[in-house]
Amino acid sequence: MTKADIVDRVAAGTGLTKLETEAVIEGFFNTVIAALKEGHGIEIRGFGTFKVKQKNSRMARNPKSGQQVYVPEHFIPTFKFSKDFKIIVDKGMKLNKTMEKKEK
């Protein structure tokens, strides 16, 4: 699913125009990115948590040449799904599999 698909679905479900919906979704993305850049986490209950994790500098190995390579300290955004989110997706996937088996 692409951002355009998300915009279409949200617009259909809310009655907003696609242009308004795209502005809202783009605003959400930008807010999440800005908060993470500032070092803040975001918790959306029932959905999940966005955080930034620090990775320490280290020596790594280039798998092609075997040469040692220095990897500097860096920060990566992470997302942890909520328990509710995981349960809903699991049930949905199991239901889809059951429906597919019945159709055959």
PDB file of N, CA and C in Angstrom:
ATOM      1  N   MET A   1       0.847  -1.168   0.000  1.00  0.00           N
ATOM      2  CA  MET A   1       0.000   0.000   0.000  1.00  0.00           C
ATOM      3  C   MET A   1       0.896   1.235   0.000  1.00  0.00           C
ATOM      4  N   THR A   2       0.543   2.194  -0.823  1.00  0.00           N
ATOM      5  CA  THR A   2       1.315   3.430  -0.925  1.00  0.00           C
ATOM      6  C   THR A   2       0.625   4.556  -0.156  1.00  0.00           C
ATOM      7  N   LYS A   3       1.307   5.689  -0.065  1.00  0.00           N
ATOM      8  CA  LYS A   3       0.712   6.842   0.608  1.00  0.00           C
ATOM      9  C   LYS A   3      -0.569   7.269  -0.111  1.00  0.00           C
ATOM     10  N   ALA A   4      -0.578   7.185  -1.432  1.00  0.00           N
ATOM     11  CA  ALA A   4      -1.772   7.548  -2.205  1.00  0.00           C
ATOM     12  C   ALA A   4      -2.944   6.626  -1.851  1.00  0.00           C
ATOM     13  N   ASP A   5      -2.672   5.340  -1.661  1.00  0.00           N
ATOM     14  CA  ASP A   5      -3.722   4.397  -1.267  1.00  0.00           C
ATOM     15  C   ASP A   5      -4.271   4.746   0.117  1.00  0.00           C
ATOM     16  N   ILE A   6      -3.380   5.125   1.030  1.00  0.00           N
ATOM     17  CA  ILE A   6      -3.811   5.520   2.378  1.00  0.00           C
ATOM     18  C   ILE A   6      -4.692   6.759   2.290  1.00  0.00           C
ATOM     19  N   VAL A   7      -4.264   7.735   1.489  1.00  0.00           N
ATOM     20  CA  VAL A   7      -5.053   8.961   1.311  1.00  0.00           C
ATOM     21  C   VAL A   7      -6.438   8.615   0.777  1.00  0.00           C
ATOM     22  N   ASP A   8      -6.508   7.746  -0.209  1.00  0.00           N
ATOM     23  CA  ASP A   8      -7.803   7.345  -0.785  1.00  0.00           C
ATOM     24  C   ASP A   8      -8.708   6.728   0.269  1.00  0.00           C
ATOM     25  N   ARG A   9      -8.174   5.804   1.057  1.00  0.00           N
ATOM     26  CA  ARG A   9      -8.991   5.116   2.063  1.00  0.00           C
ATOM     27  C   ARG A   9      -9.454   6.053   3.173  1.00  0.00           C
ATOM     28  N   VAL A  10      -8.546   6.903   3.642  1.00  0.00           N
ATOM     29  CA  VAL A  10      -8.911   7.839   4.709  1.00  0.00           C
ATOM     30  C   VAL A  10      -9.931   8.850   4.200  1.00  0.00           C
ATOM     31  N   ALA A  11      -9.738   9.346   2.988  1.00  0.00           N
ATOM     32  CA  ALA A  11     -10.687  10.305   2.412  1.00  0.00           C
ATOM     33  C   ALA A  11     -12.071   9.674   2.273  1.00  0.00           C
ATOM     34  N   ALA A  12     -12.121   8.431   1.819  1.00  0.00           N
ATOM     35  CA  ALA A  12     -13.408   7.741   1.664  1.00  0.00           C
ATOM     36  C   ALA A  12     -14.086   7.519   3.019  1.00  0.00           C
ATOM     37  N   GLY A  13     -13.295   7.277   4.048  1.00  0.00           N
ATOM     38  CA  GLY A  13     -13.857   6.998   5.363  1.00  0.00           C
ATOM     39  C   GLY A  13     -14.227   8.221   6.181  1.00  0.00           C
ATOM     40  N   THR A  14     -13.663   9.379   5.820  1.00  0.00           N
ATOM     41  CA  THR A  14     -13.896  10.577   6.631  1.00  0.00           C
ATOM     42  C   THR A  14     -14.768  11.616   5.945  1.00  0.00           C
ATOM     43  N   GLY A  15     -14.878  11.544   4.632  1.00  0.00           N
ATOM     44  CA  GLY A  15     -15.632  12.564   3.915  1.00  0.00           C
ATOM     45  C   GLY A  15     -14.803  13.786   3.561  1.00  0.00           C
ATOM     46  N   LEU A  16     -13.527  13.790   3.959  1.00  0.00           N
ATOM     47  CA  LEU A  16     -12.643  14.878   3.571  1.00  0.00           C
ATOM     48  C   LEU A  16     -12.244  14.694   2.107  1.00  0.00           C
ATOM     49  N   THR A  17     -11.834  15.792   1.481  1.00  0.00           N
ATOM     50  CA  THR A  17     -11.346  15.667   0.115  1.00  0.00           C
ATOM     51  C   THR A  17      -9.973  14.995   0.149  1.00  0.00           C
ATOM     52  N   LYS A  18      -9.554  14.488  -1.001  1.00  0.00           N
ATOM     53  CA  LYS A  18      -8.236  13.854  -1.067  1.00  0.00           C
ATOM     54  C   LYS A  18      -7.134  14.865  -0.769  1.00  0.00           C
ATOM     55  N   LEU A  19      -7.331  16.111  -1.201  1.00  0.00           N
ATOM     56  CA  LEU A  19      -6.333  17.146  -0.963  1.00  0.00           C
ATOM     57  C   LEU A  19      -6.216  17.448   0.533  1.00  0.00           C
ATOM     58  N   GLU A  20      -7.344  17.558   1.232  1.00  0.00           N
ATOM     59  CA  GLU A  20      -7.331  17.799   2.672  1.00  0.00           C
ATOM     60  C   GLU A  20      -6.712  16.613   3.406  1.00  0.00           C
ATOM     61  N   THR A  21      -7.101  15.419   2.996  1.00  0.00           N
ATOM     62  CA  THR A  21      -6.590  14.206   3.632  1.00  0.00           C
ATOM     63  C   THR A  21      -5.085  14.091   3.446  1.00  0.00           C
ATOM     64  N   GLU A  22      -4.608  14.388   2.253  1.00  0.00           N
ATOM     65  CA  GLU A  22      -3.175  14.319   1.997  1.00  0.00           C
ATOM     66  C   GLU A  22      -2.423  15.316   2.873  1.00  0.00           C
ATOM     67  N   ALA A  23      -2.988  16.510   3.078  1.00  0.00           N
ATOM     68  CA  ALA A  23      -2.356  17.513   3.929  1.00  0.00           C
ATOM     69  C   ALA A  23      -2.286  17.027   5.376  1.00  0.00           C
ATOM     70  N   VAL A  24      -3.344  16.382   5.847  1.00  0.00           N
ATOM     71  CA  VAL A  24      -3.361  15.859   7.215  1.00  0.00           C
ATOM     72  C   VAL A  24      -2.322  14.754   7.385  1.00  0.00           C
ATOM     73  N   ILE A  25      -2.290  13.823   6.440  1.00  0.00           N
ATOM     74  CA  ILE A  25      -1.354  12.697   6.526  1.00  0.00           C
ATOM     75  C   ILE A  25       0.090  13.194   6.414  1.00  0.00           C
ATOM     76  N   GLU A  26       0.332  14.111   5.513  1.00  0.00           N
ATOM     77  CA  GLU A  26       1.680  14.678   5.364  1.00  0.00           C
ATOM     78  C   GLU A  26       2.070  15.421   6.643  1.00  0.00           C
ATOM     79  N   GLY A  27       1.111  16.122   7.244  1.00  0.00           N
ATOM     80  CA  GLY A  27       1.361  16.810   8.507  1.00  0.00           C
ATOM     81  C   GLY A  27       1.708  15.836   9.619  1.00  0.00           C
ATOM     82  N   PHE A  28       1.018  14.703   9.663  1.00  0.00           N
ATOM     83  CA  PHE A  28       1.315  13.673  10.662  1.00  0.00           C
ATOM     84  C   PHE A  28       2.730  13.146  10.479  1.00  0.00           C
ATOM     85  N   PHE A  29       3.068  12.789   9.242  1.00  0.00           N
ATOM     86  CA  PHE A  29       4.420  12.279   8.964  1.00  0.00           C
ATOM     87  C   PHE A  29       5.482  13.295   9.386  1.00  0.00           C
ATOM     88  N   ASN A  30       5.281  14.560   9.011  1.00  0.00           N
ATOM     89  CA  ASN A  30       6.262  15.599   9.338  1.00  0.00           C
ATOM     90  C   ASN A  30       6.383  15.809  10.842  1.00  0.00           C
ATOM     91  N   THR A  31       5.267  15.697  11.558  1.00  0.00           N
ATOM     92  CA  THR A  31       5.287  15.847  13.012  1.00  0.00           C
ATOM     93  C   THR A  31       6.068  14.719  13.660  1.00  0.00           C
ATOM     94  N   VAL A  32       5.851  13.496  13.190  1.00  0.00           N
ATOM     95  CA  VAL A  32       6.581  12.343  13.726  1.00  0.00           C
ATOM     96  C   VAL A  32       8.081  12.512  13.477  1.00  0.00           C
ATOM     97  N   ILE A  33       8.441  12.872  12.267  1.00  0.00           N
ATOM     98  CA  ILE A  33       9.856  13.051  11.916  1.00  0.00           C
ATOM     99  C   ILE A  33      10.489  14.161  12.759  1.00  0.00           C
ATOM    100  N   ALA A  34       9.790  15.289  12.895  1.00  0.00           N
ATOM    101  CA  ALA A  34      10.321  16.416  13.671  1.00  0.00           C
ATOM    102  C   ALA A  34      10.518  16.025  15.141  1.00  0.00           C
ATOM    103  N   ALA A  35       9.546  15.316  15.710  1.00  0.00           N
ATOM    104  CA  ALA A  35       9.657  14.904  17.114  1.00  0.00           C
ATOM    105  C   ALA A  35      10.843  13.960  17.312  1.00  0.00           C
ATOM    106  N   LEU A  36      11.017  13.016  16.398  1.00  0.00           N
ATOM    107  CA  LEU A  36      12.131  12.071  16.505  1.00  0.00           C
ATOM    108  C   LEU A  36      13.469  12.785  16.328  1.00  0.00           C
ATOM    109  N   LYS A  37      13.538  13.763  15.417  1.00  0.00           N
ATOM    110  CA  LYS A  37      14.768  14.536  15.225  1.00  0.00           C
ATOM    111  C   LYS A  37      15.159  15.267  16.496  1.00  0.00           C
ATOM    112  N   GLU A  38      14.159  15.683  17.284  1.00  0.00           N
ATOM    113  CA  GLU A  38      14.410  16.398  18.533  1.00  0.00           C
ATOM    114  C   GLU A  38      14.672  15.446  19.698  1.00  0.00           C
ATOM    115  N   GLY A  39      14.587  14.144  19.427  1.00  0.00           N
ATOM    116  CA  GLY A  39      14.862  13.154  20.461  1.00  0.00           C
ATOM    117  C   GLY A  39      13.649  12.751  21.282  1.00  0.00           C
ATOM    118  N   HIS A  40      12.464  13.169  20.867  1.00  0.00           N
ATOM    119  CA  HIS A  40      11.236  12.821  21.585  1.00  0.00           C
ATOM    120  C   HIS A  40      10.647  11.534  21.027  1.00  0.00           C
ATOM    121  N   GLY A  41      10.060  10.733  21.892  1.00  0.00           N
ATOM    122  CA  GLY A  41       9.330   9.560  21.455  1.00  0.00           C
ATOM    123  C   GLY A  41       7.864   9.910  21.286  1.00  0.00           C
ATOM    124  N   ILE A  42       7.152   9.091  20.544  1.00  0.00           N
ATOM    125  CA  ILE A  42       5.720   9.295  20.336  1.00  0.00           C
ATOM    126  C   ILE A  42       5.012   7.998  20.671  1.00  0.00           C
ATOM    127  N   GLU A  43       4.042   8.073  21.578  1.00  0.00           N
ATOM    128  CA  GLU A  43       3.263   6.892  21.944  1.00  0.00           C
ATOM    129  C   GLU A  43       1.821   7.107  21.510  1.00  0.00           C
ATOM    130  N   ILE A  44       1.329   6.218  20.670  1.00  0.00           N
ATOM    131  CA  ILE A  44      -0.063   6.258  20.236  1.00  0.00           C
ATOM    132  C   ILE A  44      -0.713   4.999  20.791  1.00  0.00           C
ATOM    133  N   ARG A  45      -1.499   5.158  21.840  1.00  0.00           N
ATOM    134  CA  ARG A  45      -2.091   4.012  22.538  1.00  0.00           C
ATOM    135  C   ARG A  45      -2.917   3.168  21.572  1.00  0.00           C
ATOM    136  N   GLY A  46      -2.743   1.871  21.667  1.00  0.00           N
ATOM    137  CA  GLY A  46      -3.459   0.947  20.802  1.00  0.00           C
ATOM    138  C   GLY A  46      -2.831   0.793  19.428  1.00  0.00           C
ATOM    139  N   PHE A  47      -1.793   1.568  19.144  1.00  0.00           N
ATOM    140  CA  PHE A  47      -1.139   1.499  17.837  1.00  0.00           C
ATOM    141  C   PHE A  47       0.326   1.137  17.992  1.00  0.00           C
ATOM    142  N   GLY A  48       1.093   1.997  18.678  1.00  0.00           N
ATOM    143  CA  GLY A  48       2.500   1.689  18.876  1.00  0.00           C
ATOM    144  C   GLY A  48       3.296   2.889  19.325  1.00  0.00           C
ATOM    145  N   THR A  49       4.613   2.705  19.390  1.00  0.00           N
ATOM    146  CA  THR A  49       5.520   3.727  19.891  1.00  0.00           C
ATOM    147  C   THR A  49       6.665   3.945  18.915  1.00  0.00           C
ATOM    148  N   PHE A  50       6.880   5.217  18.580  1.00  0.00           N
ATOM    149  CA  PHE A  50       8.026   5.609  17.768  1.00  0.00           C
ATOM    150  C   PHE A  50       9.114   6.092  18.724  1.00  0.00           C
ATOM    151  N   LYS A  51      10.346   5.627  18.526  1.00  0.00           N
ATOM    152  CA  LYS A  51      11.488   6.055  19.339  1.00  0.00           C
ATOM    153  C   LYS A  51      12.719   6.161  18.457  1.00  0.00           C
ATOM    154  N   VAL A  52      13.760   6.754  19.028  1.00  0.00           N
ATOM    155  CA  VAL A  52      15.056   6.804  18.356  1.00  0.00           C
ATOM    156  C   VAL A  52      16.034   6.007  19.205  1.00  0.00           C
ATOM    157  N   LYS A  53      16.744   5.088  18.572  1.00  0.00           N
ATOM    158  CA  LYS A  53      17.755   4.301  19.285  1.00  0.00           C
ATOM    159  C   LYS A  53      19.139   4.725  18.823  1.00  0.00           C
ATOM    160  N   GLN A  54      20.032   4.797  19.798  1.00  0.00           N
ATOM    161  CA  GLN A  54      21.422   5.150  19.511  1.00  0.00           C
ATOM    162  C   GLN A  54      22.219   3.879  19.279  1.00  0.00           C
ATOM    163  N   LYS A  55      22.959   3.846  18.205  1.00  0.00           N
ATOM    164  CA  LYS A  55      23.864   2.737  17.918  1.00  0.00           C
ATOM    165  C   LYS A  55      25.291   3.249  18.118  1.00  0.00           C
ATOM    166  N   ASN A  56      26.039   2.600  18.982  1.00  0.00           N
ATOM    167  CA  ASN A  56      27.411   3.016  19.274  1.00  0.00           C
ATOM    168  C   ASN A  56      28.330   2.762  18.087  1.00  0.00           C
ATOM    169  N   SER A  57      29.433   3.502  18.059  1.00  0.00           N
ATOM    170  CA  SER A  57      30.416   3.278  17.006  1.00  0.00           C
ATOM    171  C   SER A  57      31.037   1.898  17.220  1.00  0.00           C
ATOM    172  N   ARG A  58      31.498   1.310  16.130  1.00  0.00           N
ATOM    173  CA  ARG A  58      32.073  -0.031  16.230  1.00  0.00           C
ATOM    174  C   ARG A  58      32.916  -0.324  14.998  1.00  0.00           C
ATOM    175  N   MET A  59      33.646  -1.388  15.105  1.00  0.00           N
ATOM    176  CA  MET A  59      34.394  -1.887  13.952  1.00  0.00           C
ATOM    177  C   MET A  59      33.575  -3.016  13.337  1.00  0.00           C
ATOM    178  N   ALA A  60      33.372  -2.940  12.028  1.00  0.00           N
ATOM    179  CA  ALA A  60      32.618  -3.960  11.314  1.00  0.00           C
ATOM    180  C   ALA A  60      33.536  -4.555  10.245  1.00  0.00           C
ATOM    181  N   ARG A  61      33.009  -5.534   9.546  1.00  0.00           N
ATOM    182  CA  ARG A  61      33.803  -6.185   8.507  1.00  0.00           C
ATOM    183  C   ARG A  61      33.044  -6.127   7.187  1.00  0.00           C
ATOM    184  N   ASN A  62      33.732  -5.703   6.147  1.00  0.00           N
ATOM    185  CA  ASN A  62      33.153  -5.715   4.810  1.00  0.00           C
ATOM    186  C   ASN A  62      33.072  -7.175   4.368  1.00  0.00           C
ATOM    187  N   PRO A  63      31.856  -7.707   4.136  1.00  0.00           N
ATOM    188  CA  PRO A  63      31.730  -9.127   3.807  1.00  0.00           C
ATOM    189  C   PRO A  63      32.388  -9.517   2.478  1.00  0.00           C
ATOM    190  N   LYS A  64      32.517  -8.565   1.577  1.00  0.00           N
ATOM    191  CA  LYS A  64      33.122  -8.861   0.276  1.00  0.00           C
ATOM    192  C   LYS A  64      34.635  -8.994   0.368  1.00  0.00           C
ATOM    193  N   SER A  65      35.239  -8.012   1.038  1.00  0.00           N
ATOM    194  CA  SER A  65      36.701  -7.995   1.072  1.00  0.00           C
ATOM    195  C   SER A  65      37.278  -8.520   2.391  1.00  0.00           C
ATOM    196  N   GLY A  66      36.452  -8.581   3.416  1.00  0.00           N
ATOM    197  CA  GLY A  66      36.938  -9.006   4.720  1.00  0.00           C
ATOM    198  C   GLY A  66      37.659  -7.903   5.473  1.00  0.00           C
ATOM    199  N   GLN A  67      37.745  -6.718   4.868  1.00  0.00           N
ATOM    200  CA  GLN A  67      38.457  -5.592   5.463  1.00  0.00           C
ATOM    201  C   GLN A  67      37.656  -5.004   6.633  1.00  0.00           C
ATOM    202  N   GLN A  68      38.367  -4.586   7.692  1.00  0.00           N
ATOM    203  CA  GLN A  68      37.742  -3.935   8.834  1.00  0.00           C
ATOM    204  C   GLN A  68      37.295  -2.526   8.428  1.00  0.00           C
ATOM    205  N   VAL A  69      36.083  -2.154   8.856  1.00  0.00           N
ATOM    206  CA  VAL A  69      35.525  -0.844   8.517  1.00  0.00           C
ATOM    207  C   VAL A  69      34.995  -0.205   9.800  1.00  0.00           C
ATOM    208  N   TYR A  70      35.280   1.078   9.980  1.00  0.00           N
ATOM    209  CA  TYR A  70      34.781   1.802  11.144  1.00  0.00           C
ATOM    210  C   TYR A  70      33.367   2.308  10.846  1.00  0.00           C
ATOM    211  N   VAL A  71      32.424   2.005  11.728  1.00  0.00           N
ATOM    212  CA  VAL A  71      31.058   2.489  11.608  1.00  0.00           C
ATOM    213  C   VAL A  71      30.845   3.491  12.742  1.00  0.00           C
ATOM    214  N   PRO A  72      30.626   4.767  12.399  1.00  0.00           N
ATOM    215  CA  PRO A  72      30.477   5.776  13.452  1.00  0.00           C
ATOM    216  C   PRO A  72      29.134   5.634  14.192  1.00  0.00           C
ATOM    217  N   GLU A  73      29.057   6.274  15.342  1.00  0.00           N
ATOM    218  CA  GLU A  73      27.809   6.315  16.107  1.00  0.00           C
ATOM    219  C   GLU A  73      26.703   6.878  15.208  1.00  0.00           C
ATOM    220  N   HIS A  74      25.512   6.283  15.303  1.00  0.00           N
ATOM    221  CA  HIS A  74      24.393   6.802  14.522  1.00  0.00           C
ATOM    222  C   HIS A  74      23.081   6.517  15.260  1.00  0.00           C
ATOM    223  N   PHE A  75      22.043   7.166  14.831  1.00  0.00           N
ATOM    224  CA  PHE A  75      20.736   7.057  15.465  1.00  0.00           C
ATOM    225  C   PHE A  75      19.734   6.541  14.448  1.00  0.00           C
ATOM    226  N   ILE A  76      18.904   5.579  14.879  1.00  0.00           N
ATOM    227  CA  ILE A  76      17.922   5.019  13.962  1.00  0.00           C
ATOM    228  C   ILE A  76      16.520   5.118  14.569  1.00  0.00           C
ATOM    229  N   PRO A  77      15.541   5.481  13.739  1.00  0.00           N
ATOM    230  CA  PRO A  77      14.168   5.495  14.231  1.00  0.00           C
ATOM    231  C   PRO A  77      13.654   4.059  14.324  1.00  0.00           C
ATOM    232  N   THR A  78      12.873   3.789  15.359  1.00  0.00           N
ATOM    233  CA  THR A  78      12.279   2.461  15.521  1.00  0.00           C
ATOM    234  C   THR A  78      10.790   2.612  15.791  1.00  0.00           C
ATOM    235  N   PHE A  79      10.065   1.546  15.531  1.00  0.00           N
ATOM    236  CA  PHE A  79       8.637   1.512  15.837  1.00  0.00           C
ATOM    237  C   PHE A  79       8.333   0.188  16.505  1.00  0.00           C
ATOM    238  N   LYS A  80       7.668   0.247  17.647  1.00  0.00           N
ATOM    239  CA  LYS A  80       7.255  -0.959  18.349  1.00  0.00           C
ATOM    240  C   LYS A  80       5.729  -1.002  18.343  1.00  0.00           C
ATOM    241  N   PHE A  81       5.189  -2.067  17.781  1.00  0.00           N
ATOM    242  CA  PHE A  81       3.740  -2.215  17.707  1.00  0.00           C
ATOM    243  C   PHE A  81       3.157  -2.467  19.088  1.00  0.00           C
ATOM    244  N   SER A  82       1.946  -1.952  19.336  1.00  0.00           N
ATOM    245  CA  SER A  82       1.287  -2.221  20.613  1.00  0.00           C
ATOM    246  C   SER A  82       0.766  -3.657  20.619  1.00  0.00           C
ATOM    247  N   LYS A  83       0.487  -4.160  21.803  1.00  0.00           N
ATOM    248  CA  LYS A  83      -0.046  -5.512  21.952  1.00  0.00           C
ATOM    249  C   LYS A  83      -1.384  -5.625  21.221  1.00  0.00           C
ATOM    250  N   ASP A  84      -2.241  -4.622  21.365  1.00  0.00           N
ATOM    251  CA  ASP A  84      -3.544  -4.624  20.694  1.00  0.00           C
ATOM    252  C   ASP A  84      -3.390  -4.695  19.181  1.00  0.00           C
ATOM    253  N   PHE A  85      -2.452  -3.923  18.659  1.00  0.00           N
ATOM    254  CA  PHE A  85      -2.183  -3.892  17.219  1.00  0.00           C
ATOM    255  C   PHE A  85      -1.804  -5.287  16.720  1.00  0.00           C
ATOM    256  N   LYS A  86      -0.882  -5.924  17.447  1.00  0.00           N
ATOM    257  CA  LYS A  86      -0.428  -7.262  17.065  1.00  0.00           C
ATOM    258  C   LYS A  86      -1.578  -8.270  17.071  1.00  0.00           C
ATOM    259  N   ILE A  87      -2.423  -8.203  18.087  1.00  0.00           N
ATOM    260  CA  ILE A  87      -3.549  -9.136  18.200  1.00  0.00           C
ATOM    261  C   ILE A  87      -4.525  -8.939  17.046  1.00  0.00           C
ATOM    262  N   ILE A  88      -4.845  -7.688  16.728  1.00  0.00           N
ATOM    263  CA  ILE A  88      -5.787  -7.402  15.641  1.00  0.00           C
ATOM    264  C   ILE A  88      -5.252  -7.902  14.313  1.00  0.00           C
ATOM    265  N   VAL A  89      -3.978  -7.653  14.040  1.00  0.00           N
ATOM    266  CA  VAL A  89      -3.380  -8.107  12.776  1.00  0.00           C
ATOM    267  C   VAL A  89      -3.356  -9.639  12.716  1.00  0.00           C
ATOM    268  N   ASP A  90      -2.982 -10.278  13.818  1.00  0.00           N
ATOM    269  CA  ASP A  90      -2.928 -11.740  13.871  1.00  0.00           C
ATOM    270  C   ASP A  90      -4.309 -12.345  13.582  1.00  0.00           C
ATOM    271  N   LYS A  91      -5.342 -11.834  14.248  1.00  0.00           N
ATOM    272  CA  LYS A  91      -6.700 -12.343  14.034  1.00  0.00           C
ATOM    273  C   LYS A  91      -7.155 -12.118  12.599  1.00  0.00           C
ATOM    274  N   GLY A  92      -6.837 -10.943  12.050  1.00  0.00           N
ATOM    275  CA  GLY A  92      -7.215 -10.631  10.677  1.00  0.00           C
ATOM    276  C   GLY A  92      -6.550 -11.556   9.668  1.00  0.00           C
ATOM    277  N   MET A  93      -5.275 -11.827   9.869  1.00  0.00           N
ATOM    278  CA  MET A  93      -4.540 -12.706   8.957  1.00  0.00           C
ATOM    279  C   MET A  93      -5.069 -14.135   9.045  1.00  0.00           C
ATOM    280  N   LYS A  94      -5.372 -14.600  10.260  1.00  0.00           N
ATOM    281  CA  LYS A  94      -5.911 -15.951  10.427  1.00  0.00           C
ATOM    282  C   LYS A  94      -7.283 -16.059   9.768  1.00  0.00           C
ATOM    283  N   LEU A  95      -8.102 -15.015   9.894  1.00  0.00           N
ATOM    284  CA  LEU A  95      -9.418 -15.003   9.269  1.00  0.00           C
ATOM    285  C   LEU A  95      -9.288 -15.040   7.748  1.00  0.00           C
ATOM    286  N   ASN A  96      -8.345 -14.261   7.198  1.00  0.00           N
ATOM    287  CA  ASN A  96      -8.111 -14.250   5.754  1.00  0.00           C
ATOM    288  C   ASN A  96      -7.689 -15.626   5.256  1.00  0.00           C
ATOM    289  N   LYS A  97      -6.817 -16.292   5.990  1.00  0.00           N
ATOM    290  CA  LYS A  97      -6.369 -17.634   5.594  1.00  0.00           C
ATOM    291  C   LYS A  97      -7.531 -18.612   5.608  1.00  0.00           C
ATOM    292  N   THR A  98      -8.379 -18.509   6.633  1.00  0.00           N
ATOM    293  CA  THR A  98      -9.540 -19.391   6.734  1.00  0.00           C
ATOM    294  C   THR A  98     -10.476 -19.170   5.555  1.00  0.00           C
ATOM    295  N   MET A  99     -10.694 -17.918   5.212  1.00  0.00           N
ATOM    296  CA  MET A  99     -11.588 -17.581   4.076  1.00  0.00           C
ATOM    297  C   MET A  99     -11.019 -18.104   2.759  1.00  0.00           C
ATOM    298  N   GLU A 100      -9.685 -17.993   2.591  1.00  0.00           N
ATOM    299  CA  GLU A 100      -9.053 -18.484   1.365  1.00  0.00           C
ATOM    300  C   GLU A 100      -9.211 -19.997   1.241  1.00  0.00           C
ATOM    301  N   LYS A 101      -9.077 -20.710   2.344  1.00  0.00           N
ATOM    302  CA  LYS A 101      -9.213 -22.173   2.319  1.00  0.00           C
ATOM    303  C   LYS A 101     -10.635 -22.577   1.964  1.00  0.00           C
ATOM    304  N   LYS A 102     -11.628 -21.839   2.461  1.00  0.00           N
ATOM    305  CA  LYS A 102     -13.025 -22.148   2.173  1.00  0.00           C
ATOM    306  C   LYS A 102     -13.366 -21.913   0.714  1.00  0.00           C
ATOM    307  N   GLU A 103     -12.713 -20.912   0.084  1.00  0.00           N
ATOM    308  CA  GLU A 103     -12.971 -20.590  -1.314  1.00  0.00           C
ATOM    309  C   GLU A 103     -12.433 -21.664  -2.253  1.00  0.00           C
ATOM    310  N   LYS A 104     -11.450 -22.431  -1.814  1.00  0.00           N
ATOM    311  CA  LYS A 104     -10.822 -23.450  -2.670  1.00  0.00           C
ATOM    312  C   LYS A 104     -11.609 -24.705  -2.737  1.00  0.00           C
TER     313      LYS A 104
END
